[in-house]
Amino acid sequence: MDFNFSWLPELFKYDNRKSIEEYYNEVYEIFKRDFITSKPVLFGKNIGLQKEPMVNGKPQTFHHMTTEDICNNKNKQSKLRNIAFDRCERIA
């Protein structure tokens, strides 16, 4: 089976010319455009997101979508998360 994914936006890859913080802020601008400002719809239903609590001035949902748990022990709840570049580059 051959799938055509040409309709997907280009990946927004991190380049080493900017800081990770700068990149993450740019990813957030894409998130705002696509999930907050545009009010997306899927299968005729509005897609909402949880805007509270805020984490470093950004909705917790954004952080959940763009970071991953760094705790290897699945039985232990960890609030420590690292930026997940593979998630960030697909945010659009």
PDB file of N, CA and C in Angstrom:
ATOM      1  N   MET A   1       0.846  -1.167   0.000  1.00  0.00           N
ATOM      2  CA  MET A   1       0.000   0.000   0.000  1.00  0.00           C
ATOM      3  C   MET A   1       0.895   1.235   0.000  1.00  0.00           C
ATOM      4  N   ASP A   2       0.593   2.165  -0.877  1.00  0.00           N
ATOM      5  CA  ASP A   2       1.388   3.384  -0.997  1.00  0.00           C
ATOM      6  C   ASP A   2       0.567   4.560  -0.481  1.00  0.00           C
ATOM      7  N   PHE A   3       1.120   5.273   0.479  1.00  0.00           N
ATOM      8  CA  PHE A   3       0.434   6.423   1.050  1.00  0.00           C
ATOM      9  C   PHE A   3       1.042   7.701   0.517  1.00  0.00           C
ATOM     10  N   ASN A   4       0.192   8.692   0.285  1.00  0.00           N
ATOM     11  CA  ASN A   4       0.656   9.987  -0.183  1.00  0.00           C
ATOM     12  C   ASN A   4       0.518  10.983   0.966  1.00  0.00           C
ATOM     13  N   PHE A   5       1.648  11.435   1.481  1.00  0.00           N
ATOM     14  CA  PHE A   5       1.649  12.366   2.591  1.00  0.00           C
ATOM     15  C   PHE A   5       2.066  13.768   2.151  1.00  0.00           C
ATOM     16  N   SER A   6       1.921  14.054   0.873  1.00  0.00           N
ATOM     17  CA  SER A   6       2.383  15.338   0.342  1.00  0.00           C
ATOM     18  C   SER A   6       1.618  16.529   0.926  1.00  0.00           C
ATOM     19  N   TRP A   7       0.445  16.301   1.491  1.00  0.00           N
ATOM     20  CA  TRP A   7      -0.351  17.384   2.054  1.00  0.00           C
ATOM     21  C   TRP A   7       0.166  17.837   3.426  1.00  0.00           C
ATOM     22  N   LEU A   8       1.029  17.023   4.039  1.00  0.00           N
ATOM     23  CA  LEU A   8       1.553  17.390   5.355  1.00  0.00           C
ATOM     24  C   LEU A   8       2.538  18.548   5.258  1.00  0.00           C
ATOM     25  N   PRO A   9       2.542  19.429   6.241  1.00  0.00           N
ATOM     26  CA  PRO A   9       3.515  20.533   6.218  1.00  0.00           C
ATOM     27  C   PRO A   9       4.934  19.998   6.417  1.00  0.00           C
ATOM     28  N   GLU A  10       5.912  20.799   5.990  1.00  0.00           N
ATOM     29  CA  GLU A  10       7.305  20.410   6.178  1.00  0.00           C
ATOM     30  C   GLU A  10       7.630  20.352   7.660  1.00  0.00           C
ATOM     31  N   LEU A  11       8.585  19.486   8.003  1.00  0.00           N
ATOM     32  CA  LEU A  11       9.038  19.406   9.383  1.00  0.00           C
ATOM     33  C   LEU A  11       9.742  20.707   9.764  1.00  0.00           C
ATOM     34  N   PHE A  12       9.546  21.131  10.990  1.00  0.00           N
ATOM     35  CA  PHE A  12      10.191  22.337  11.494  1.00  0.00           C
ATOM     36  C   PHE A  12      11.369  21.896  12.355  1.00  0.00           C
ATOM     37  N   LYS A  13      12.466  21.597  11.706  1.00  0.00           N
ATOM     38  CA  LYS A  13      13.629  21.015  12.378  1.00  0.00           C
ATOM     39  C   LYS A  13      14.447  22.063  13.115  1.00  0.00           C
ATOM     40  N   TYR A  14      15.057  21.606  14.195  1.00  0.00           N
ATOM     41  CA  TYR A  14      15.970  22.449  14.961  1.00  0.00           C
ATOM     42  C   TYR A  14      17.280  22.551  14.192  1.00  0.00           C
ATOM     43  N   ASP A  15      17.788  23.780  14.087  1.00  0.00           N
ATOM     44  CA  ASP A  15      19.131  23.939  13.528  1.00  0.00           C
ATOM     45  C   ASP A  15      20.003  24.559  14.606  1.00  0.00           C
ATOM     46  N   ASN A  16      21.232  24.212  14.602  1.00  0.00           N
ATOM     47  CA  ASN A  16      22.142  24.632  15.658  1.00  0.00           C
ATOM     48  C   ASN A  16      22.505  26.105  15.607  1.00  0.00           C
ATOM     49  N   ARG A  17      21.948  26.850  14.672  1.00  0.00           N
ATOM     50  CA  ARG A  17      22.248  28.280  14.578  1.00  0.00           C
ATOM     51  C   ARG A  17      21.500  29.092  15.620  1.00  0.00           C
ATOM     52  N   LYS A  18      20.523  28.479  16.264  1.00  0.00           N
ATOM     53  CA  LYS A  18      19.757  29.205  17.273  1.00  0.00           C
ATOM     54  C   LYS A  18      19.763  28.399  18.569  1.00  0.00           C
ATOM     55  N   SER A  19      19.439  29.071  19.637  1.00  0.00           N
ATOM     56  CA  SER A  19      19.389  28.374  20.919  1.00  0.00           C
ATOM     57  C   SER A  19      18.149  27.479  20.967  1.00  0.00           C
ATOM     58  N   ILE A  20      18.190  26.508  21.843  1.00  0.00           N
ATOM     59  CA  ILE A  20      17.036  25.616  22.015  1.00  0.00           C
ATOM     60  C   ILE A  20      15.835  26.420  22.507  1.00  0.00           C
ATOM     61  N   GLU A  21      16.073  27.387  23.377  1.00  0.00           N
ATOM     62  CA  GLU A  21      14.981  28.228  23.879  1.00  0.00           C
ATOM     63  C   GLU A  21      14.336  29.018  22.740  1.00  0.00           C
ATOM     64  N   GLU A  22      15.163  29.556  21.846  1.00  0.00           N
ATOM     65  CA  GLU A  22      14.654  30.297  20.689  1.00  0.00           C
ATOM     66  C   GLU A  22      13.810  29.377  19.799  1.00  0.00           C
ATOM     67  N   TYR A  23      14.312  28.177  19.542  1.00  0.00           N
ATOM     68  CA  TYR A  23      13.585  27.191  18.740  1.00  0.00           C
ATOM     69  C   TYR A  23      12.249  26.839  19.396  1.00  0.00           C
ATOM     70  N   TYR A  24      12.281  26.573  20.706  1.00  0.00           N
ATOM     71  CA  TYR A  24      11.072  26.184  21.430  1.00  0.00           C
ATOM     72  C   TYR A  24      10.030  27.298  21.380  1.00  0.00           C
ATOM     73  N   ASN A  25      10.464  28.549  21.464  1.00  0.00           N
ATOM     74  CA  ASN A  25       9.539  29.679  21.346  1.00  0.00           C
ATOM     75  C   ASN A  25       8.937  29.755  19.942  1.00  0.00           C
ATOM     76  N   GLU A  26       9.722  29.439  18.923  1.00  0.00           N
ATOM     77  CA  GLU A  26       9.197  29.415  17.549  1.00  0.00           C
ATOM     78  C   GLU A  26       8.195  28.275  17.376  1.00  0.00           C
ATOM     79  N   VAL A  27       8.470  27.133  17.996  1.00  0.00           N
ATOM     80  CA  VAL A  27       7.519  26.006  17.972  1.00  0.00           C
ATOM     81  C   VAL A  27       6.215  26.435  18.634  1.00  0.00           C
ATOM     82  N   TYR A  28       6.318  27.193  19.725  1.00  0.00           N
ATOM     83  CA  TYR A  28       5.120  27.681  20.405  1.00  0.00           C
ATOM     84  C   TYR A  28       4.306  28.616  19.513  1.00  0.00           C
ATOM     85  N   GLU A  29       4.963  29.440  18.730  1.00  0.00           N
ATOM     86  CA  GLU A  29       4.243  30.326  17.811  1.00  0.00           C
ATOM     87  C   GLU A  29       3.455  29.516  16.781  1.00  0.00           C
ATOM     88  N   ILE A  30       4.020  28.420  16.304  1.00  0.00           N
ATOM     89  CA  ILE A  30       3.304  27.530  15.372  1.00  0.00           C
ATOM     90  C   ILE A  30       2.118  26.896  16.092  1.00  0.00           C
ATOM     91  N   PHE A  31       2.336  26.438  17.317  1.00  0.00           N
ATOM     92  CA  PHE A  31       1.264  25.853  18.126  1.00  0.00           C
ATOM     93  C   PHE A  31       0.118  26.847  18.302  1.00  0.00           C
ATOM     94  N   LYS A  32       0.460  28.088  18.673  1.00  0.00           N
ATOM     95  CA  LYS A  32      -0.576  29.118  18.849  1.00  0.00           C
ATOM     96  C   LYS A  32      -1.365  29.318  17.557  1.00  0.00           C
ATOM     97  N   ARG A  33      -0.651  29.427  16.435  1.00  0.00           N
ATOM     98  CA  ARG A  33      -1.307  29.644  15.144  1.00  0.00           C
ATOM     99  C   ARG A  33      -2.258  28.496  14.807  1.00  0.00           C
ATOM    100  N   ASP A  34      -1.801  27.257  15.025  1.00  0.00           N
ATOM    101  CA  ASP A  34      -2.557  26.094  14.570  1.00  0.00           C
ATOM    102  C   ASP A  34      -3.575  25.557  15.572  1.00  0.00           C
ATOM    103  N   PHE A  35      -3.400  25.843  16.855  1.00  0.00           N
ATOM    104  CA  PHE A  35      -4.297  25.260  17.856  1.00  0.00           C
ATOM    105  C   PHE A  35      -5.075  26.285  18.677  1.00  0.00           C
ATOM    106  N   ILE A  36      -4.615  27.526  18.728  1.00  0.00           N
ATOM    107  CA  ILE A  36      -5.327  28.529  19.524  1.00  0.00           C
ATOM    108  C   ILE A  36      -6.025  29.538  18.617  1.00  0.00           C
ATOM    109  N   THR A  37      -5.281  30.178  17.742  1.00  0.00           N
ATOM    110  CA  THR A  37      -5.835  31.214  16.873  1.00  0.00           C
ATOM    111  C   THR A  37      -6.788  30.643  15.829  1.00  0.00           C
ATOM    112  N   SER A  38      -6.430  29.518  15.225  1.00  0.00           N
ATOM    113  CA  SER A  38      -7.204  29.010  14.088  1.00  0.00           C
ATOM    114  C   SER A  38      -8.452  28.225  14.468  1.00  0.00           C
ATOM    115  N   LYS A  39      -8.574  27.813  15.724  1.00  0.00           N
ATOM    116  CA  LYS A  39      -9.742  27.026  16.163  1.00  0.00           C
ATOM    117  C   LYS A  39      -9.965  25.820  15.243  1.00  0.00           C
ATOM    118  N   PRO A  40      -9.079  24.831  15.259  1.00  0.00           N
ATOM    119  CA  PRO A  40      -9.169  23.700  14.332  1.00  0.00           C
ATOM    120  C   PRO A  40     -10.407  22.826  14.554  1.00  0.00           C
ATOM    121  N   VAL A  41     -10.818  22.148  13.488  1.00  0.00           N
ATOM    122  CA  VAL A  41     -11.971  21.249  13.489  1.00  0.00           C
ATOM    123  C   VAL A  41     -11.528  19.920  12.904  1.00  0.00           C
ATOM    124  N   LEU A  42     -11.937  18.824  13.527  1.00  0.00           N
ATOM    125  CA  LEU A  42     -11.638  17.479  13.038  1.00  0.00           C
ATOM    126  C   LEU A  42     -12.930  16.690  12.994  1.00  0.00           C
ATOM    127  N   PHE A  43     -13.248  16.158  11.819  1.00  0.00           N
ATOM    128  CA  PHE A  43     -14.491  15.393  11.622  1.00  0.00           C
ATOM    129  C   PHE A  43     -15.710  16.172  12.094  1.00  0.00           C
ATOM    130  N   GLY A  44     -15.701  17.483  11.834  1.00  0.00           N
ATOM    131  CA  GLY A  44     -16.835  18.329  12.164  1.00  0.00           C
ATOM    132  C   GLY A  44     -16.921  18.751  13.620  1.00  0.00           C
ATOM    133  N   LYS A  45     -15.932  18.380  14.417  1.00  0.00           N
ATOM    134  CA  LYS A  45     -15.946  18.739  15.838  1.00  0.00           C
ATOM    135  C   LYS A  45     -14.790  19.668  16.148  1.00  0.00           C
ATOM    136  N   ASN A  46     -15.074  20.677  16.973  1.00  0.00           N
ATOM    137  CA  ASN A  46     -14.029  21.605  17.386  1.00  0.00           C
ATOM    138  C   ASN A  46     -13.003  20.882  18.249  1.00  0.00           C
ATOM    139  N   ILE A  47     -11.746  21.197  18.023  1.00  0.00           N
ATOM    140  CA  ILE A  47     -10.676  20.646  18.851  1.00  0.00           C
ATOM    141  C   ILE A  47     -10.331  21.691  19.888  1.00  0.00           C
ATOM    142  N   GLY A  48     -10.507  21.334  21.135  1.00  0.00           N
ATOM    143  CA  GLY A  48     -10.189  22.239  22.227  1.00  0.00           C
ATOM    144  C   GLY A  48      -8.913  21.789  22.906  1.00  0.00           C
ATOM    145  N   LEU A  49      -8.337  22.673  23.675  1.00  0.00           N
ATOM    146  CA  LEU A  49      -7.163  22.295  24.440  1.00  0.00           C
ATOM    147  C   LEU A  49      -7.228  22.933  25.798  1.00  0.00           C
ATOM    148  N   GLN A  50      -6.593  22.293  26.722  1.00  0.00           N
ATOM    149  CA  GLN A  50      -6.570  22.800  28.086  1.00  0.00           C
ATOM    150  C   GLN A  50      -5.511  23.884  28.172  1.00  0.00           C
ATOM    151  N   LYS A  51      -5.939  25.091  28.490  1.00  0.00           N
ATOM    152  CA  LYS A  51      -5.014  26.222  28.552  1.00  0.00           C
ATOM    153  C   LYS A  51      -4.419  26.406  29.935  1.00  0.00           C
ATOM    154  N   GLU A  52      -5.030  25.855  30.942  1.00  0.00           N
ATOM    155  CA  GLU A  52      -4.528  25.942  32.321  1.00  0.00           C
ATOM    156  C   GLU A  52      -4.191  24.534  32.795  1.00  0.00           C
ATOM    157  N   PRO A  53      -3.194  24.364  33.589  1.00  0.00           N
ATOM    158  CA  PRO A  53      -2.324  25.391  34.137  1.00  0.00           C
ATOM    159  C   PRO A  53      -1.301  25.861  33.098  1.00  0.00           C
ATOM    160  N   MET A  54      -0.766  27.035  33.362  1.00  0.00           N
ATOM    161  CA  MET A  54       0.293  27.572  32.512  1.00  0.00           C
ATOM    162  C   MET A  54       1.639  27.097  33.065  1.00  0.00           C
ATOM    163  N   VAL A  55       2.548  26.803  32.153  1.00  0.00           N
ATOM    164  CA  VAL A  55       3.907  26.397  32.519  1.00  0.00           C
ATOM    165  C   VAL A  55       4.855  27.331  31.782  1.00  0.00           C
ATOM    166  N   ASN A  56       5.585  28.129  32.511  1.00  0.00           N
ATOM    167  CA  ASN A  56       6.499  29.113  31.910  1.00  0.00           C
ATOM    168  C   ASN A  56       5.795  29.994  30.883  1.00  0.00           C
ATOM    169  N   GLY A  57       4.550  30.391  31.194  1.00  0.00           N
ATOM    170  CA  GLY A  57       3.803  31.293  30.332  1.00  0.00           C
ATOM    171  C   GLY A  57       3.159  30.644  29.119  1.00  0.00           C
ATOM    172  N   LYS A  58       3.210  29.312  29.050  1.00  0.00           N
ATOM    173  CA  LYS A  58       2.610  28.587  27.920  1.00  0.00           C
ATOM    174  C   LYS A  58       1.654  27.525  28.476  1.00  0.00           C
ATOM    175  N   PRO A  59       0.575  27.204  27.737  1.00  0.00           N
ATOM    176  CA  PRO A  59      -0.363  26.195  28.239  1.00  0.00           C
ATOM    177  C   PRO A  59       0.321  24.847  28.482  1.00  0.00           C
ATOM    178  N   GLN A  60      -0.094  24.183  29.542  1.00  0.00           N
ATOM    179  CA  GLN A  60       0.467  22.871  29.877  1.00  0.00           C
ATOM    180  C   GLN A  60       0.313  21.902  28.713  1.00  0.00           C
ATOM    181  N   THR A  61      -0.759  22.013  27.945  1.00  0.00           N
ATOM    182  CA  THR A  61      -0.975  21.136  26.791  1.00  0.00           C
ATOM    183  C   THR A  61       0.169  21.253  25.788  1.00  0.00           C
ATOM    184  N   PHE A  62       0.664  22.457  25.573  1.00  0.00           N
ATOM    185  CA  PHE A  62       1.802  22.645  24.670  1.00  0.00           C
ATOM    186  C   PHE A  62       3.014  21.875  25.170  1.00  0.00           C
ATOM    187  N   HIS A  63       3.308  22.000  26.460  1.00  0.00           N
ATOM    188  CA  HIS A  63       4.459  21.294  27.019  1.00  0.00           C
ATOM    189  C   HIS A  63       4.267  19.782  26.922  1.00  0.00           C
ATOM    190  N   HIS A  64       3.057  19.319  27.170  1.00  0.00           N
ATOM    191  CA  HIS A  64       2.781  17.886  27.073  1.00  0.00           C
ATOM    192  C   HIS A  64       3.017  17.380  25.645  1.00  0.00           C
ATOM    193  N   MET A  65       2.633  18.175  24.663  1.00  0.00           N
ATOM    194  CA  MET A  65       2.769  17.770  23.259  1.00  0.00           C
ATOM    195  C   MET A  65       4.210  17.843  22.760  1.00  0.00           C
ATOM    196  N   THR A  66       5.052  18.646  23.377  1.00  0.00           N
ATOM    197  CA  THR A  66       6.387  18.913  22.825  1.00  0.00           C
ATOM    198  C   THR A  66       7.534  18.433  23.706  1.00  0.00           C
ATOM    199  N   THR A  67       7.216  17.766  24.806  1.00  0.00           N
ATOM    200  CA  THR A  67       8.255  17.232  25.681  1.00  0.00           C
ATOM    201  C   THR A  67       7.942  15.777  26.002  1.00  0.00           C
ATOM    202  N   GLU A  68       8.913  15.104  26.612  1.00  0.00           N
ATOM    203  CA  GLU A  68       8.689  13.723  27.026  1.00  0.00           C
ATOM    204  C   GLU A  68       9.245  13.520  28.427  1.00  0.00           C
ATOM    205  N   ASP A  69       8.635  12.585  29.129  1.00  0.00           N
ATOM    206  CA  ASP A  69       9.036  12.254  30.487  1.00  0.00           C
ATOM    207  C   ASP A  69      10.451  11.689  30.456  1.00  0.00           C
ATOM    208  N   ILE A  70      11.318  12.167  31.332  1.00  0.00           N
ATOM    209  CA  ILE A  70      12.689  11.655  31.338  1.00  0.00           C
ATOM    210  C   ILE A  70      12.889  10.560  32.367  1.00  0.00           C
ATOM    211  N   CYS A  71      11.849  10.222  33.092  1.00  0.00           N
ATOM    212  CA  CYS A  71      11.935   9.164  34.096  1.00  0.00           C
ATOM    213  C   CYS A  71      11.812   7.814  33.392  1.00  0.00           C
ATOM    214  N   ASN A  72      12.786   6.938  33.583  1.00  0.00           N
ATOM    215  CA  ASN A  72      12.762   5.614  32.952  1.00  0.00           C
ATOM    216  C   ASN A  72      11.912   4.617  33.719  1.00  0.00           C
ATOM    217  N   ASN A  73      11.667   4.861  34.970  1.00  0.00           N
ATOM    218  CA  ASN A  73      10.881   3.950  35.787  1.00  0.00           C
ATOM    219  C   ASN A  73       9.409   4.320  35.644  1.00  0.00           C
ATOM    220  N   LYS A  74       8.648   3.502  34.932  1.00  0.00           N
ATOM    221  CA  LYS A  74       7.240   3.810  34.636  1.00  0.00           C
ATOM    222  C   LYS A  74       6.372   3.827  35.893  1.00  0.00           C
ATOM    223  N   ASN A  75       6.825   3.206  36.972  1.00  0.00           N
ATOM    224  CA  ASN A  75       6.042   3.195  38.203  1.00  0.00           C
ATOM    225  C   ASN A  75       6.210   4.473  39.008  1.00  0.00           C
ATOM    226  N   LYS A  76       7.181   5.272  38.649  1.00  0.00           N
ATOM    227  CA  LYS A  76       7.464   6.502  39.386  1.00  0.00           C
ATOM    228  C   LYS A  76       6.985   7.696  38.573  1.00  0.00           C
ATOM    229  N   GLN A  77       6.145   8.511  39.166  1.00  0.00           N
ATOM    230  CA  GLN A  77       5.671   9.712  38.485  1.00  0.00           C
ATOM    231  C   GLN A  77       6.782  10.760  38.520  1.00  0.00           C
ATOM    232  N   SER A  78       7.119  11.268  37.357  1.00  0.00           N
ATOM    233  CA  SER A  78       8.145  12.293  37.274  1.00  0.00           C
ATOM    234  C   SER A  78       7.570  13.534  36.616  1.00  0.00           C
ATOM    235  N   LYS A  79       7.919  14.677  37.148  1.00  0.00           N
ATOM    236  CA  LYS A  79       7.492  15.925  36.530  1.00  0.00           C
ATOM    237  C   LYS A  79       8.614  16.484  35.663  1.00  0.00           C
ATOM    238  N   LEU A  80       9.725  15.755  35.579  1.00  0.00           N
ATOM    239  CA  LEU A  80      10.846  16.199  34.771  1.00  0.00           C
ATOM    240  C   LEU A  80      10.619  15.793  33.323  1.00  0.00           C
ATOM    241  N   ARG A  81      10.694  16.762  32.433  1.00  0.00           N
ATOM    242  CA  ARG A  81      10.462  16.478  31.018  1.00  0.00           C
ATOM    243  C   ARG A  81      11.533  17.179  30.196  1.00  0.00           C
ATOM    244  N   ASN A  82      11.935  16.545  29.127  1.00  0.00           N
ATOM    245  CA  ASN A  82      12.896  17.117  28.184  1.00  0.00           C
ATOM    246  C   ASN A  82      12.190  17.436  26.882  1.00  0.00           C
ATOM    247  N   ILE A  83      12.694  18.429  26.187  1.00  0.00           N
ATOM    248  CA  ILE A  83      12.142  18.755  24.876  1.00  0.00           C
ATOM    249  C   ILE A  83      12.280  17.533  23.964  1.00  0.00           C
ATOM    250  N   ALA A  84      11.223  17.235  23.238  1.00  0.00           N
ATOM    251  CA  ALA A  84      11.217  16.101  22.297  1.00  0.00           C
ATOM    252  C   ALA A  84      11.263  16.695  20.886  1.00  0.00           C
ATOM    253  N   PHE A  85      12.447  16.714  20.318  1.00  0.00           N
ATOM    254  CA  PHE A  85      12.629  17.363  19.015  1.00  0.00           C
ATOM    255  C   PHE A  85      11.768  16.711  17.938  1.00  0.00           C
ATOM    256  N   ASP A  86      11.577  15.391  17.996  1.00  0.00           N
ATOM    257  CA  ASP A  86      10.740  14.727  16.997  1.00  0.00           C
ATOM    258  C   ASP A  86       9.287  15.188  17.098  1.00  0.00           C
ATOM    259  N   ARG A  87       8.820  15.506  18.286  1.00  0.00           N
ATOM    260  CA  ARG A  87       7.459  16.037  18.458  1.00  0.00           C
ATOM    261  C   ARG A  87       7.393  17.496  17.984  1.00  0.00           C
ATOM    262  N   CYS A  88       8.397  18.268  18.376  1.00  0.00           N
ATOM    263  CA  CYS A  88       8.425  19.696  18.005  1.00  0.00           C
ATOM    264  C   CYS A  88       8.434  19.889  16.497  1.00  0.00           C
ATOM    265  N   GLU A  89       9.217  19.092  15.788  1.00  0.00           N
ATOM    266  CA  GLU A  89       9.322  19.313  14.349  1.00  0.00           C
ATOM    267  C   GLU A  89       8.038  18.954  13.614  1.00  0.00           C
ATOM    268  N   ARG A  90       7.129  18.249  14.263  1.00  0.00           N
ATOM    269  CA  ARG A  90       5.851  17.865  13.653  1.00  0.00           C
ATOM    270  C   ARG A  90       4.681  18.672  14.183  1.00  0.00           C
ATOM    271  N   ILE A  91       4.928  19.765  14.867  1.00  0.00           N
ATOM    272  CA  ILE A  91       3.862  20.517  15.545  1.00  0.00           C
ATOM    273  C   ILE A  91       2.859  21.142  14.567  1.00  0.00           C
ATOM    274  N   ALA A  92       3.297  21.506  13.383  1.00  0.00           N
ATOM    275  CA  ALA A  92       2.396  22.187  12.436  1.00  0.00           C
ATOM    276  C   ALA A  92       1.300  21.255  11.924  1.00  0.00           C
TER     277      ALA A  92
END
